[in-house]
Amino acid sequence: EVQLVESGGGVVQAGGSLRLSCAASGFSFDDYDIGWFRQAPGKEREGVSCLSIRQGLTFYTDSVMGRFTISSNNAKNAVYLQMNSMKPEDTAVYYCVAVDFCTMEAGRVVGRSYAMDHWGKGTLVTVSS
C-alpha cells in the first residue's frame, strides 16, 4: 500500500524558512515521481515542486523558483522541501504526492497519472506578515 506522511509544517514569519518532510512507503522512487502540491484557503490546489529520481529532474513552479528546493534521501525513502524567503502567499496546506510523471505547463508544476495519484494528508504552513 502506498503511503505518504508529511511533517514539518508550522508558523513562520515572512522571510523565514521551513523544511517539510515526506515519509514514503509501499513503493519505490523508480515507480513514481514525487511532488509537493499546496492548497491555500479559497484557492485551487497547485503544484509547487516535483522530483523525478528515475529521470534525474526537478521541477519548480515559477512563484517558488529560487526560494524552494526539493531533495530526497533514497535510503530513508524520504523527500524534502526546503522553503526559504517565505512569503504570506505561501500559506497553504502542503501535500506530498506520488504521480506517474511530472511536467511543466505555463510555468506551473503539473502531476499526471494513468490510473490514480497517491496523496498524503497534508501539513499546514502559515506565513505571517
N, C-alpha and C. Protein backbone atom coordinates (compact mmCIF):
# COMPACT_ATOMS: atom_id res chain seq x y z
N GLU A 1 0.84 -1.19 0.00
CA GLU A 1 0.00 0.00 0.00
C GLU A 1 0.88 1.25 0.00
N VAL A 2 0.60 2.14 -0.92
CA VAL A 2 1.35 3.40 -0.99
C VAL A 2 0.92 4.31 0.16
N GLN A 3 1.89 4.79 0.92
CA GLN A 3 1.61 5.73 2.00
C GLN A 3 2.58 6.89 1.94
N LEU A 4 2.07 8.08 2.17
CA LEU A 4 2.86 9.29 2.20
C LEU A 4 2.46 10.08 3.45
N VAL A 5 3.44 10.42 4.27
CA VAL A 5 3.16 11.13 5.52
C VAL A 5 4.02 12.38 5.57
N GLU A 6 3.35 13.54 5.60
CA GLU A 6 4.07 14.81 5.63
C GLU A 6 4.30 15.26 7.07
N SER A 7 5.36 16.03 7.26
CA SER A 7 5.62 16.65 8.55
C SER A 7 6.45 17.90 8.32
N GLY A 8 6.53 18.72 9.38
CA GLY A 8 7.39 19.90 9.30
C GLY A 8 6.66 21.22 9.12
N GLY A 9 5.35 21.16 8.97
CA GLY A 9 4.60 22.41 8.84
C GLY A 9 4.60 23.20 10.14
N GLY A 10 4.17 24.45 10.05
CA GLY A 10 4.11 25.29 11.24
C GLY A 10 3.91 26.74 10.85
N VAL A 11 4.19 27.61 11.80
CA VAL A 11 4.04 29.04 11.59
C VAL A 11 5.43 29.67 11.49
N VAL A 12 5.61 30.51 10.50
CA VAL A 12 6.90 31.18 10.29
C VAL A 12 6.63 32.61 9.84
N GLN A 13 7.53 33.50 10.20
CA GLN A 13 7.39 34.88 9.76
C GLN A 13 7.86 35.03 8.32
N ALA A 14 7.33 36.03 7.65
CA ALA A 14 7.76 36.31 6.28
C ALA A 14 9.27 36.49 6.25
N GLY A 15 9.90 35.88 5.25
CA GLY A 15 11.35 35.91 5.14
C GLY A 15 12.03 34.72 5.79
N GLY A 16 11.28 33.97 6.57
CA GLY A 16 11.84 32.83 7.28
C GLY A 16 11.86 31.56 6.44
N SER A 17 12.22 30.45 7.10
CA SER A 17 12.39 29.17 6.40
C SER A 17 11.69 28.04 7.15
N LEU A 18 11.29 27.04 6.38
CA LEU A 18 10.75 25.80 6.92
C LEU A 18 11.23 24.66 6.03
N ARG A 19 11.32 23.48 6.61
CA ARG A 19 11.66 22.30 5.84
C ARG A 19 10.57 21.25 6.04
N LEU A 20 9.93 20.89 4.98
CA LEU A 20 8.91 19.85 5.02
C LEU A 20 9.54 18.50 4.69
N SER A 21 9.02 17.46 5.33
CA SER A 21 9.48 16.10 5.06
C SER A 21 8.30 15.25 4.63
N CYS A 22 8.58 14.29 3.75
CA CYS A 22 7.58 13.33 3.31
C CYS A 22 8.17 11.94 3.47
N ALA A 23 7.58 11.14 4.36
CA ALA A 23 8.00 9.76 4.55
C ALA A 23 7.16 8.87 3.63
N ALA A 24 7.83 8.18 2.72
CA ALA A 24 7.13 7.36 1.72
C ALA A 24 7.32 5.88 2.02
N SER A 25 6.29 5.10 1.77
CA SER A 25 6.38 3.65 1.94
C SER A 25 5.45 2.95 0.95
N GLY A 26 5.74 1.69 0.70
CA GLY A 26 4.88 0.89 -0.18
C GLY A 26 5.20 0.99 -1.65
N PHE A 27 6.26 1.72 -2.00
CA PHE A 27 6.62 1.82 -3.40
C PHE A 27 8.08 2.25 -3.51
N SER A 28 8.60 2.16 -4.73
CA SER A 28 9.96 2.59 -5.00
C SER A 28 9.95 3.94 -5.70
N PHE A 29 11.00 4.73 -5.47
CA PHE A 29 11.11 6.02 -6.17
C PHE A 29 11.32 5.82 -7.67
N ASP A 30 11.56 4.59 -8.09
CA ASP A 30 11.62 4.30 -9.52
C ASP A 30 10.22 4.17 -10.13
N ASP A 31 9.22 4.01 -9.27
CA ASP A 31 7.85 3.80 -9.76
C ASP A 31 7.10 5.10 -10.01
N TYR A 32 7.41 6.14 -9.22
CA TYR A 32 6.65 7.38 -9.29
C TYR A 32 7.58 8.59 -9.23
N ASP A 33 7.09 9.70 -9.76
CA ASP A 33 7.67 10.99 -9.45
C ASP A 33 6.99 11.49 -8.17
N ILE A 34 7.74 12.21 -7.34
CA ILE A 34 7.21 12.68 -6.07
C ILE A 34 7.14 14.21 -6.09
N GLY A 35 5.96 14.72 -5.82
CA GLY A 35 5.78 16.17 -5.87
C GLY A 35 5.21 16.74 -4.59
N TRP A 36 5.39 18.04 -4.45
CA TRP A 36 4.75 18.80 -3.39
C TRP A 36 3.70 19.69 -4.05
N PHE A 37 2.48 19.59 -3.56
CA PHE A 37 1.37 20.40 -4.01
C PHE A 37 0.84 21.16 -2.81
N ARG A 38 0.14 22.24 -3.06
CA ARG A 38 -0.41 23.01 -1.95
C ARG A 38 -1.80 23.55 -2.30
N GLN A 39 -2.55 23.82 -1.25
CA GLN A 39 -3.87 24.42 -1.43
C GLN A 39 -4.06 25.48 -0.37
N ALA A 40 -4.20 26.71 -0.84
CA ALA A 40 -4.45 27.84 0.05
C ALA A 40 -5.95 27.99 0.25
N PRO A 41 -6.36 28.62 1.36
CA PRO A 41 -7.80 28.82 1.62
C PRO A 41 -8.48 29.52 0.46
N GLY A 42 -9.56 28.92 -0.03
CA GLY A 42 -10.34 29.52 -1.10
C GLY A 42 -9.72 29.44 -2.47
N LYS A 43 -8.61 28.71 -2.60
CA LYS A 43 -7.94 28.62 -3.90
C LYS A 43 -7.85 27.17 -4.35
N GLU A 44 -7.56 26.99 -5.63
CA GLU A 44 -7.39 25.66 -6.17
C GLU A 44 -6.04 25.08 -5.76
N ARG A 45 -5.99 23.77 -5.76
CA ARG A 45 -4.74 23.10 -5.48
C ARG A 45 -3.74 23.38 -6.61
N GLU A 46 -2.47 23.56 -6.26
CA GLU A 46 -1.46 23.84 -7.27
C GLU A 46 -0.18 23.08 -7.00
N GLY A 47 0.53 22.77 -8.05
CA GLY A 47 1.82 22.12 -7.92
C GLY A 47 2.87 23.12 -7.50
N VAL A 48 3.79 22.71 -6.65
CA VAL A 48 4.87 23.56 -6.15
C VAL A 48 6.20 23.09 -6.70
N SER A 49 6.49 21.81 -6.52
CA SER A 49 7.77 21.26 -6.95
C SER A 49 7.62 19.77 -7.14
N CYS A 50 8.48 19.20 -7.96
CA CYS A 50 8.42 17.76 -8.20
C CYS A 50 9.80 17.22 -8.48
N LEU A 51 10.01 15.97 -8.06
CA LEU A 51 11.30 15.32 -8.22
C LEU A 51 11.10 14.00 -8.97
N SER A 52 11.84 13.86 -10.07
CA SER A 52 11.85 12.60 -10.80
C SER A 52 13.22 11.98 -10.63
N ILE A 53 13.33 11.05 -9.67
CA ILE A 53 14.62 10.42 -9.40
C ILE A 53 15.04 9.57 -10.58
N ARG A 54 14.11 8.87 -11.20
CA ARG A 54 14.44 8.00 -12.32
C ARG A 54 14.93 8.77 -13.54
N GLN A 55 14.49 10.05 -13.70
CA GLN A 55 14.96 10.87 -14.81
C GLN A 55 16.03 11.86 -14.39
N GLY A 56 16.25 12.02 -13.08
CA GLY A 56 17.21 12.99 -12.60
C GLY A 56 16.78 14.42 -12.85
N LEU A 57 15.48 14.68 -12.73
CA LEU A 57 14.93 16.00 -13.00
C LEU A 57 14.23 16.57 -11.78
N THR A 58 14.27 17.89 -11.66
CA THR A 58 13.47 18.60 -10.67
C THR A 58 12.65 19.67 -11.38
N PHE A 59 11.48 19.94 -10.84
CA PHE A 59 10.57 20.91 -11.42
C PHE A 59 10.13 21.89 -10.32
N TYR A 60 10.01 23.16 -10.70
CA TYR A 60 9.54 24.18 -9.77
C TYR A 60 8.55 25.10 -10.45
N THR A 61 7.47 25.39 -9.75
CA THR A 61 6.54 26.41 -10.21
C THR A 61 7.24 27.76 -10.15
N ASP A 62 6.96 28.63 -11.12
CA ASP A 62 7.67 29.91 -11.23
C ASP A 62 7.67 30.70 -9.92
N SER A 63 6.57 30.67 -9.19
CA SER A 63 6.45 31.50 -7.98
C SER A 63 7.38 31.08 -6.86
N VAL A 64 7.93 29.87 -6.92
CA VAL A 64 8.82 29.40 -5.85
C VAL A 64 10.25 29.19 -6.33
N MET A 65 10.48 29.37 -7.61
CA MET A 65 11.82 29.16 -8.18
C MET A 65 12.83 30.05 -7.46
N GLY A 66 13.95 29.45 -7.05
CA GLY A 66 15.00 30.19 -6.36
C GLY A 66 14.78 30.31 -4.87
N ARG A 67 13.60 29.95 -4.39
CA ARG A 67 13.32 30.02 -2.95
C ARG A 67 13.14 28.63 -2.34
N PHE A 68 12.58 27.71 -3.09
CA PHE A 68 12.31 26.36 -2.59
C PHE A 68 13.25 25.38 -3.26
N THR A 69 13.62 24.32 -2.51
CA THR A 69 14.47 23.26 -3.05
C THR A 69 13.90 21.91 -2.66
N ILE A 70 13.72 21.05 -3.64
CA ILE A 70 13.25 19.68 -3.38
C ILE A 70 14.44 18.75 -3.40
N SER A 71 14.42 17.76 -2.50
CA SER A 71 15.52 16.80 -2.44
C SER A 71 14.99 15.48 -1.89
N SER A 72 15.85 14.48 -1.90
CA SER A 72 15.43 13.17 -1.40
C SER A 72 16.57 12.49 -0.67
N ASN A 73 16.18 11.56 0.18
CA ASN A 73 17.12 10.64 0.81
C ASN A 73 16.59 9.25 0.47
N ASN A 74 17.16 8.63 -0.56
CA ASN A 74 16.62 7.37 -1.04
C ASN A 74 16.73 6.26 0.00
N ALA A 75 17.78 6.30 0.79
CA ALA A 75 17.96 5.27 1.82
C ALA A 75 16.84 5.33 2.87
N LYS A 76 16.31 6.53 3.09
CA LYS A 76 15.25 6.71 4.07
C LYS A 76 13.86 6.77 3.43
N ASN A 77 13.80 6.63 2.11
CA ASN A 77 12.52 6.77 1.40
C ASN A 77 11.83 8.07 1.78
N ALA A 78 12.59 9.15 1.75
CA ALA A 78 12.05 10.45 2.16
C ALA A 78 12.31 11.50 1.09
N VAL A 79 11.39 12.43 1.01
CA VAL A 79 11.51 13.58 0.12
C VAL A 79 11.31 14.83 0.96
N TYR A 80 12.08 15.86 0.66
CA TYR A 80 12.05 17.08 1.46
C TYR A 80 11.73 18.29 0.58
N LEU A 81 11.21 19.32 1.21
CA LEU A 81 11.02 20.61 0.54
C LEU A 81 11.57 21.68 1.48
N GLN A 82 12.71 22.23 1.12
CA GLN A 82 13.29 23.34 1.87
C GLN A 82 12.70 24.63 1.32
N MET A 83 12.08 25.39 2.19
CA MET A 83 11.42 26.63 1.79
C MET A 83 12.10 27.81 2.47
N ASN A 84 12.69 28.69 1.68
CA ASN A 84 13.38 29.87 2.18
C ASN A 84 12.70 31.13 1.68
N SER A 85 13.02 32.24 2.29
CA SER A 85 12.46 33.55 1.88
C SER A 85 10.95 33.45 1.71
N MET A 86 10.32 32.90 2.69
CA MET A 86 8.90 32.62 2.58
C MET A 86 8.05 33.88 2.59
N LYS A 87 6.92 33.80 1.92
CA LYS A 87 6.02 34.93 1.77
C LYS A 87 4.63 34.54 2.31
N PRO A 88 3.84 35.52 2.71
CA PRO A 88 2.48 35.21 3.18
C PRO A 88 1.67 34.41 2.16
N GLU A 89 1.92 34.61 0.87
CA GLU A 89 1.18 33.87 -0.15
C GLU A 89 1.60 32.40 -0.24
N ASP A 90 2.63 32.01 0.50
CA ASP A 90 3.00 30.59 0.58
C ASP A 90 2.13 29.84 1.60
N THR A 91 1.31 30.57 2.34
CA THR A 91 0.43 29.94 3.32
C THR A 91 -0.53 28.98 2.64
N ALA A 92 -0.52 27.72 3.09
CA ALA A 92 -1.35 26.69 2.47
C ALA A 92 -1.17 25.37 3.21
N VAL A 93 -2.01 24.42 2.89
CA VAL A 93 -1.76 23.04 3.28
C VAL A 93 -0.90 22.43 2.19
N TYR A 94 0.22 21.83 2.58
CA TYR A 94 1.15 21.24 1.63
C TYR A 94 1.01 19.73 1.65
N TYR A 95 0.91 19.17 0.46
CA TYR A 95 0.71 17.73 0.31
C TYR A 95 1.87 17.11 -0.45
N CYS A 96 2.26 15.93 -0.02
CA CYS A 96 3.22 15.11 -0.74
C CYS A 96 2.42 14.16 -1.63
N VAL A 97 2.80 14.07 -2.90
CA VAL A 97 2.00 13.33 -3.87
C VAL A 97 2.90 12.46 -4.74
N ALA A 98 2.49 11.23 -4.97
CA ALA A 98 3.18 10.34 -5.90
C ALA A 98 2.36 10.26 -7.19
N VAL A 99 3.00 10.60 -8.30
CA VAL A 99 2.33 10.59 -9.60
C VAL A 99 3.17 9.81 -10.60
N ASP A 100 2.56 9.45 -11.72
CA ASP A 100 3.32 8.71 -12.73
C ASP A 100 4.41 9.59 -13.36
N PHE A 101 4.10 10.85 -13.59
CA PHE A 101 5.13 11.75 -14.08
C PHE A 101 4.73 13.19 -13.83
N CYS A 102 5.74 14.04 -13.70
CA CYS A 102 5.53 15.48 -13.55
C CYS A 102 5.95 16.18 -14.84
N THR A 103 5.36 17.33 -15.06
CA THR A 103 5.73 18.14 -16.20
C THR A 103 5.44 19.59 -15.86
N MET A 104 5.81 20.48 -16.75
CA MET A 104 5.55 21.90 -16.56
C MET A 104 4.52 22.37 -17.59
N GLU A 105 3.57 23.16 -17.14
CA GLU A 105 2.58 23.74 -18.04
C GLU A 105 2.40 25.20 -17.63
N ALA A 106 2.73 26.09 -18.55
CA ALA A 106 2.57 27.53 -18.31
C ALA A 106 3.23 27.95 -17.00
N GLY A 107 4.43 27.44 -16.76
CA GLY A 107 5.18 27.86 -15.59
C GLY A 107 4.77 27.22 -14.29
N ARG A 108 3.91 26.21 -14.38
CA ARG A 108 3.44 25.54 -13.17
C ARG A 108 3.71 24.05 -13.24
N VAL A 109 4.02 23.49 -12.08
CA VAL A 109 4.23 22.05 -11.98
C VAL A 109 2.88 21.35 -12.08
N VAL A 110 2.84 20.31 -12.89
CA VAL A 110 1.63 19.51 -13.05
C VAL A 110 2.00 18.05 -12.88
N GLY A 111 1.17 17.31 -12.15
CA GLY A 111 1.38 15.88 -11.99
C GLY A 111 0.34 15.11 -12.78
N ARG A 112 0.77 14.04 -13.47
CA ARG A 112 -0.15 13.24 -14.27
C ARG A 112 -0.03 11.77 -13.86
N SER A 113 -1.15 11.09 -13.87
CA SER A 113 -1.15 9.66 -13.58
C SER A 113 -2.09 8.94 -14.53
N TYR A 114 -1.69 7.74 -14.94
CA TYR A 114 -2.51 6.95 -15.84
C TYR A 114 -3.67 6.31 -15.08
N ALA A 115 -3.46 6.00 -13.82
CA ALA A 115 -4.52 5.39 -13.02
C ALA A 115 -4.95 6.33 -11.91
N MET A 116 -4.14 6.43 -10.88
CA MET A 116 -4.50 7.32 -9.78
C MET A 116 -3.26 7.91 -9.13
N ASP A 117 -3.43 9.12 -8.56
CA ASP A 117 -2.38 9.71 -7.75
C ASP A 117 -2.47 9.14 -6.34
N HIS A 118 -1.40 9.35 -5.60
CA HIS A 118 -1.41 8.98 -4.19
C HIS A 118 -1.05 10.21 -3.38
N TRP A 119 -1.89 10.57 -2.44
CA TRP A 119 -1.72 11.80 -1.69
C TRP A 119 -1.55 11.52 -0.20
N GLY A 120 -0.71 12.34 0.44
CA GLY A 120 -0.66 12.34 1.89
C GLY A 120 -1.80 13.17 2.43
N LYS A 121 -1.87 13.29 3.75
CA LYS A 121 -2.96 14.03 4.38
C LYS A 121 -2.66 15.52 4.49
N GLY A 122 -1.42 15.90 4.28
CA GLY A 122 -1.07 17.31 4.26
C GLY A 122 -0.53 17.83 5.58
N THR A 123 0.19 18.94 5.47
CA THR A 123 0.71 19.63 6.65
C THR A 123 0.52 21.13 6.41
N LEU A 124 0.06 21.83 7.44
CA LEU A 124 -0.29 23.25 7.30
C LEU A 124 0.93 24.13 7.50
N VAL A 125 1.11 25.04 6.56
CA VAL A 125 2.17 26.04 6.64
C VAL A 125 1.52 27.41 6.66
N THR A 126 1.87 28.21 7.68
CA THR A 126 1.33 29.55 7.80
C THR A 126 2.48 30.54 7.86
N VAL A 127 2.46 31.51 6.96
CA VAL A 127 3.49 32.53 6.91
C VAL A 127 2.86 33.86 7.32
N SER A 128 3.33 34.39 8.44
CA SER A 128 2.76 35.64 8.94
C SER A 128 3.54 36.83 8.40
N SER A 129 2.83 37.92 8.19
CA SER A 129 3.48 39.13 7.63
C SER A 129 3.98 40.05 8.72
